[in-house]
Amino acid sequence: PPPFTGVWVGDGKLCAIGVHCGHHITSHGLALNCSTDLSWFEHIVPCGLEGKGVTSLSRELGRHVTVDHVLEPFLDSFQEVFDCTLVFSEDPG
């Protein structure tokens, strides 16, 4: 819900997104909670948001969901939404 970034299910954050700029380099990313051990979040204030929680696909769907389950559909949706073609390389450089 605005003004909070990310993907939310009720008061639970399912996916965090972020951008970092520094030294003339911009990096960005996301963290999608698939089967994350959510008990770790009981010890912190996630994303600095008091009164808000964290959730996962596994919790919301009531079944175990791994990264392998969501990777291909996620990438397909990313290409569709951003009207782009992803190119994969074995060379990380």
N, C-alpha and C. Protein backbone atom coordinates (compact mmCIF):
# COMPACT_ATOMS: atom_id res chain seq x y z
N PRO A 1 0.84 -1.21 0.00
CA PRO A 1 0.00 0.00 0.00
C PRO A 1 0.87 1.25 0.00
N PRO A 2 0.51 2.25 -0.76
CA PRO A 2 1.30 3.49 -0.74
C PRO A 2 1.38 4.05 0.66
N PRO A 3 2.46 4.58 1.09
CA PRO A 3 3.66 4.91 0.33
C PRO A 3 4.73 3.83 0.39
N PHE A 4 4.39 2.61 0.82
CA PHE A 4 5.38 1.56 0.98
C PHE A 4 5.73 0.90 -0.35
N THR A 5 7.03 0.71 -0.57
CA THR A 5 7.46 0.04 -1.80
C THR A 5 7.41 -1.46 -1.59
N GLY A 6 7.45 -2.18 -2.69
CA GLY A 6 7.46 -3.63 -2.63
C GLY A 6 6.12 -4.21 -3.02
N VAL A 7 5.98 -5.50 -2.76
CA VAL A 7 4.74 -6.22 -3.04
C VAL A 7 4.17 -6.64 -1.70
N TRP A 8 2.91 -6.32 -1.47
CA TRP A 8 2.27 -6.55 -0.17
C TRP A 8 1.06 -7.45 -0.33
N VAL A 9 0.83 -8.28 0.68
CA VAL A 9 -0.41 -9.04 0.83
C VAL A 9 -0.94 -8.65 2.19
N GLY A 10 -1.95 -7.80 2.21
CA GLY A 10 -2.43 -7.25 3.47
C GLY A 10 -1.33 -6.43 4.12
N ASP A 11 -1.03 -6.72 5.38
CA ASP A 11 0.05 -6.03 6.08
C ASP A 11 1.37 -6.79 6.02
N GLY A 12 1.46 -7.80 5.16
CA GLY A 12 2.68 -8.58 5.03
C GLY A 12 3.41 -8.28 3.75
N LYS A 13 4.69 -7.96 3.88
CA LYS A 13 5.52 -7.67 2.70
C LYS A 13 6.00 -8.98 2.11
N LEU A 14 5.66 -9.20 0.85
CA LEU A 14 6.01 -10.42 0.15
C LEU A 14 7.30 -10.26 -0.65
N CYS A 15 7.54 -9.06 -1.13
CA CYS A 15 8.69 -8.81 -2.00
C CYS A 15 9.23 -7.40 -1.75
N ALA A 16 10.51 -7.31 -1.50
CA ALA A 16 11.16 -6.02 -1.31
C ALA A 16 11.88 -5.64 -2.60
N ILE A 17 11.84 -4.36 -2.93
CA ILE A 17 12.58 -3.86 -4.09
C ILE A 17 13.46 -2.72 -3.62
N GLY A 18 14.56 -2.52 -4.31
CA GLY A 18 15.45 -1.46 -3.89
C GLY A 18 16.36 -0.99 -5.00
N VAL A 19 16.86 0.21 -4.81
CA VAL A 19 17.80 0.82 -5.73
C VAL A 19 18.92 1.43 -4.90
N HIS A 20 20.15 1.28 -5.37
CA HIS A 20 21.30 1.87 -4.69
C HIS A 20 22.12 2.62 -5.72
N CYS A 21 22.49 3.83 -5.40
CA CYS A 21 23.34 4.63 -6.29
C CYS A 21 24.59 5.03 -5.52
N GLY A 22 25.74 4.85 -6.14
CA GLY A 22 26.98 5.26 -5.50
C GLY A 22 28.17 5.03 -6.41
N HIS A 23 29.14 5.91 -6.33
CA HIS A 23 30.37 5.80 -7.13
C HIS A 23 30.07 5.64 -8.61
N HIS A 24 29.08 6.41 -9.10
CA HIS A 24 28.70 6.41 -10.51
C HIS A 24 28.14 5.08 -10.99
N ILE A 25 27.64 4.27 -10.06
CA ILE A 25 27.05 2.98 -10.39
C ILE A 25 25.68 2.90 -9.75
N THR A 26 24.71 2.45 -10.53
CA THR A 26 23.37 2.23 -10.01
C THR A 26 23.09 0.73 -10.04
N SER A 27 22.65 0.22 -8.91
CA SER A 27 22.26 -1.19 -8.86
C SER A 27 20.86 -1.29 -8.30
N HIS A 28 20.18 -2.32 -8.67
CA HIS A 28 18.80 -2.51 -8.23
C HIS A 28 18.53 -3.99 -8.07
N GLY A 29 17.51 -4.30 -7.33
CA GLY A 29 17.18 -5.70 -7.14
C GLY A 29 15.90 -5.89 -6.39
N LEU A 30 15.58 -7.15 -6.19
CA LEU A 30 14.39 -7.49 -5.43
C LEU A 30 14.62 -8.77 -4.65
N ALA A 31 13.83 -8.92 -3.62
CA ALA A 31 13.88 -10.13 -2.80
C ALA A 31 12.45 -10.64 -2.66
N LEU A 32 12.16 -11.73 -3.33
CA LEU A 32 10.84 -12.35 -3.29
C LEU A 32 10.89 -13.50 -2.30
N ASN A 33 10.09 -13.41 -1.26
CA ASN A 33 10.07 -14.45 -0.23
C ASN A 33 9.26 -15.64 -0.72
N CYS A 34 9.96 -16.71 -1.06
CA CYS A 34 9.29 -17.92 -1.53
C CYS A 34 9.02 -18.87 -0.37
N SER A 35 10.09 -19.40 0.20
CA SER A 35 9.96 -20.33 1.33
C SER A 35 10.88 -19.88 2.47
N THR A 36 10.94 -18.60 2.67
CA THR A 36 11.81 -17.99 3.66
C THR A 36 11.39 -18.38 5.07
N ASP A 37 12.38 -18.61 5.95
CA ASP A 37 12.12 -18.83 7.38
C ASP A 37 11.74 -17.47 7.97
N LEU A 38 10.47 -17.24 8.15
CA LEU A 38 9.98 -15.93 8.58
C LEU A 38 10.22 -15.66 10.06
N SER A 39 10.64 -16.66 10.82
CA SER A 39 10.87 -16.45 12.25
C SER A 39 11.99 -15.45 12.50
N TRP A 40 12.92 -15.31 11.59
CA TRP A 40 14.02 -14.35 11.75
C TRP A 40 13.50 -12.92 11.82
N PHE A 41 12.39 -12.66 11.16
CA PHE A 41 11.84 -11.30 11.14
C PHE A 41 11.19 -10.91 12.47
N GLU A 42 11.01 -11.86 13.38
CA GLU A 42 10.47 -11.55 14.70
C GLU A 42 11.47 -10.79 15.56
N HIS A 43 12.74 -10.77 15.15
CA HIS A 43 13.80 -10.14 15.93
C HIS A 43 14.17 -8.73 15.44
N ILE A 44 13.52 -8.29 14.37
CA ILE A 44 13.83 -6.98 13.80
C ILE A 44 12.54 -6.26 13.44
N VAL A 45 12.68 -5.02 13.04
CA VAL A 45 11.56 -4.27 12.44
C VAL A 45 11.83 -4.29 10.94
N PRO A 46 11.19 -5.21 10.22
CA PRO A 46 11.48 -5.36 8.79
C PRO A 46 11.29 -4.06 8.02
N CYS A 47 12.30 -3.70 7.28
CA CYS A 47 12.30 -2.50 6.44
C CYS A 47 12.03 -1.24 7.25
N GLY A 48 12.19 -1.31 8.56
CA GLY A 48 11.96 -0.15 9.41
C GLY A 48 10.50 0.25 9.53
N LEU A 49 9.59 -0.65 9.21
CA LEU A 49 8.17 -0.33 9.20
C LEU A 49 7.48 -0.94 10.43
N GLU A 50 7.28 -0.12 11.43
CA GLU A 50 6.60 -0.57 12.65
C GLU A 50 5.18 -1.03 12.32
N GLY A 51 4.78 -2.14 12.92
CA GLY A 51 3.42 -2.62 12.77
C GLY A 51 3.14 -3.37 11.49
N LYS A 52 4.15 -3.53 10.66
CA LYS A 52 4.00 -4.27 9.42
C LYS A 52 4.78 -5.58 9.53
N GLY A 53 4.36 -6.58 8.79
CA GLY A 53 5.02 -7.87 8.86
C GLY A 53 5.59 -8.29 7.53
N VAL A 54 6.02 -9.53 7.51
CA VAL A 54 6.61 -10.13 6.32
C VAL A 54 5.87 -11.43 6.06
N THR A 55 5.68 -11.76 4.81
CA THR A 55 5.03 -13.01 4.47
C THR A 55 5.81 -13.68 3.33
N SER A 56 5.37 -14.83 2.93
CA SER A 56 6.03 -15.57 1.84
C SER A 56 4.97 -16.20 0.95
N LEU A 57 5.40 -16.61 -0.23
CA LEU A 57 4.49 -17.33 -1.12
C LEU A 57 4.02 -18.62 -0.47
N SER A 58 4.94 -19.31 0.22
CA SER A 58 4.56 -20.56 0.88
C SER A 58 3.47 -20.34 1.92
N ARG A 59 3.62 -19.30 2.72
CA ARG A 59 2.59 -19.01 3.74
C ARG A 59 1.27 -18.64 3.09
N GLU A 60 1.32 -17.78 2.10
CA GLU A 60 0.08 -17.29 1.49
C GLU A 60 -0.65 -18.37 0.70
N LEU A 61 0.10 -19.28 0.08
CA LEU A 61 -0.51 -20.34 -0.72
C LEU A 61 -0.78 -21.61 0.08
N GLY A 62 -0.21 -21.69 1.28
CA GLY A 62 -0.43 -22.87 2.11
C GLY A 62 0.27 -24.12 1.61
N ARG A 63 1.35 -23.92 0.87
CA ARG A 63 2.15 -25.06 0.38
C ARG A 63 3.57 -24.58 0.16
N HIS A 64 4.51 -25.52 0.10
CA HIS A 64 5.92 -25.17 -0.06
C HIS A 64 6.18 -24.68 -1.49
N VAL A 65 6.68 -23.47 -1.62
CA VAL A 65 6.99 -22.87 -2.92
C VAL A 65 8.47 -22.50 -2.91
N THR A 66 9.23 -23.05 -3.86
CA THR A 66 10.67 -22.78 -3.95
C THR A 66 10.96 -21.76 -5.04
N VAL A 67 12.17 -21.25 -5.03
CA VAL A 67 12.61 -20.34 -6.09
C VAL A 67 12.50 -21.04 -7.44
N ASP A 68 12.84 -22.32 -7.50
CA ASP A 68 12.74 -23.05 -8.77
C ASP A 68 11.31 -23.07 -9.31
N HIS A 69 10.32 -23.07 -8.40
CA HIS A 69 8.92 -23.05 -8.84
C HIS A 69 8.54 -21.73 -9.51
N VAL A 70 9.12 -20.63 -9.05
CA VAL A 70 8.66 -19.32 -9.51
C VAL A 70 9.60 -18.64 -10.51
N LEU A 71 10.81 -19.13 -10.66
CA LEU A 71 11.79 -18.41 -11.47
C LEU A 71 11.34 -18.22 -12.92
N GLU A 72 10.96 -19.28 -13.59
CA GLU A 72 10.58 -19.15 -15.00
C GLU A 72 9.33 -18.30 -15.18
N PRO A 73 8.24 -18.54 -14.42
CA PRO A 73 7.08 -17.66 -14.59
C PRO A 73 7.38 -16.20 -14.24
N PHE A 74 8.23 -15.98 -13.24
CA PHE A 74 8.60 -14.61 -12.87
C PHE A 74 9.33 -13.94 -14.03
N LEU A 75 10.31 -14.61 -14.61
CA LEU A 75 11.08 -14.02 -15.71
C LEU A 75 10.19 -13.78 -16.93
N ASP A 76 9.27 -14.71 -17.20
CA ASP A 76 8.34 -14.51 -18.32
C ASP A 76 7.48 -13.26 -18.09
N SER A 77 6.97 -13.11 -16.88
CA SER A 77 6.14 -11.95 -16.56
C SER A 77 6.95 -10.65 -16.62
N PHE A 78 8.19 -10.71 -16.15
CA PHE A 78 9.07 -9.54 -16.20
C PHE A 78 9.24 -9.06 -17.63
N GLN A 79 9.51 -10.00 -18.54
CA GLN A 79 9.68 -9.64 -19.95
C GLN A 79 8.40 -9.04 -20.53
N GLU A 80 7.27 -9.60 -20.15
CA GLU A 80 6.00 -9.09 -20.67
C GLU A 80 5.69 -7.69 -20.14
N VAL A 81 5.84 -7.50 -18.84
CA VAL A 81 5.52 -6.20 -18.23
C VAL A 81 6.44 -5.11 -18.73
N PHE A 82 7.73 -5.40 -18.85
CA PHE A 82 8.71 -4.39 -19.24
C PHE A 82 9.00 -4.40 -20.74
N ASP A 83 8.26 -5.21 -21.49
CA ASP A 83 8.39 -5.29 -22.95
C ASP A 83 9.86 -5.39 -23.35
N CYS A 84 10.51 -6.43 -22.82
CA CYS A 84 11.93 -6.61 -23.09
C CYS A 84 12.24 -8.09 -23.29
N THR A 85 13.45 -8.34 -23.71
CA THR A 85 13.95 -9.71 -23.83
C THR A 85 15.15 -9.84 -22.91
N LEU A 86 15.09 -10.79 -22.01
CA LEU A 86 16.21 -11.04 -21.11
C LEU A 86 17.27 -11.85 -21.82
N VAL A 87 18.50 -11.50 -21.63
CA VAL A 87 19.63 -12.21 -22.23
C VAL A 87 20.46 -12.79 -21.10
N PHE A 88 20.75 -14.05 -21.18
CA PHE A 88 21.51 -14.73 -20.14
C PHE A 88 22.90 -15.04 -20.62
N SER A 89 23.84 -14.89 -19.74
CA SER A 89 25.24 -15.13 -20.07
C SER A 89 25.86 -15.98 -18.98
N GLU A 90 26.72 -16.89 -19.38
CA GLU A 90 27.45 -17.70 -18.41
C GLU A 90 28.58 -16.90 -17.79
N ASP A 91 29.00 -15.82 -18.48
CA ASP A 91 30.08 -14.98 -18.00
C ASP A 91 29.53 -13.88 -17.12
N PRO A 92 29.79 -13.92 -15.79
CA PRO A 92 29.24 -12.90 -14.90
C PRO A 92 29.84 -11.52 -15.13
N GLY A 93 30.92 -11.40 -15.89
CA GLY A 93 31.54 -10.11 -16.13
C GLY A 93 30.99 -9.46 -17.32
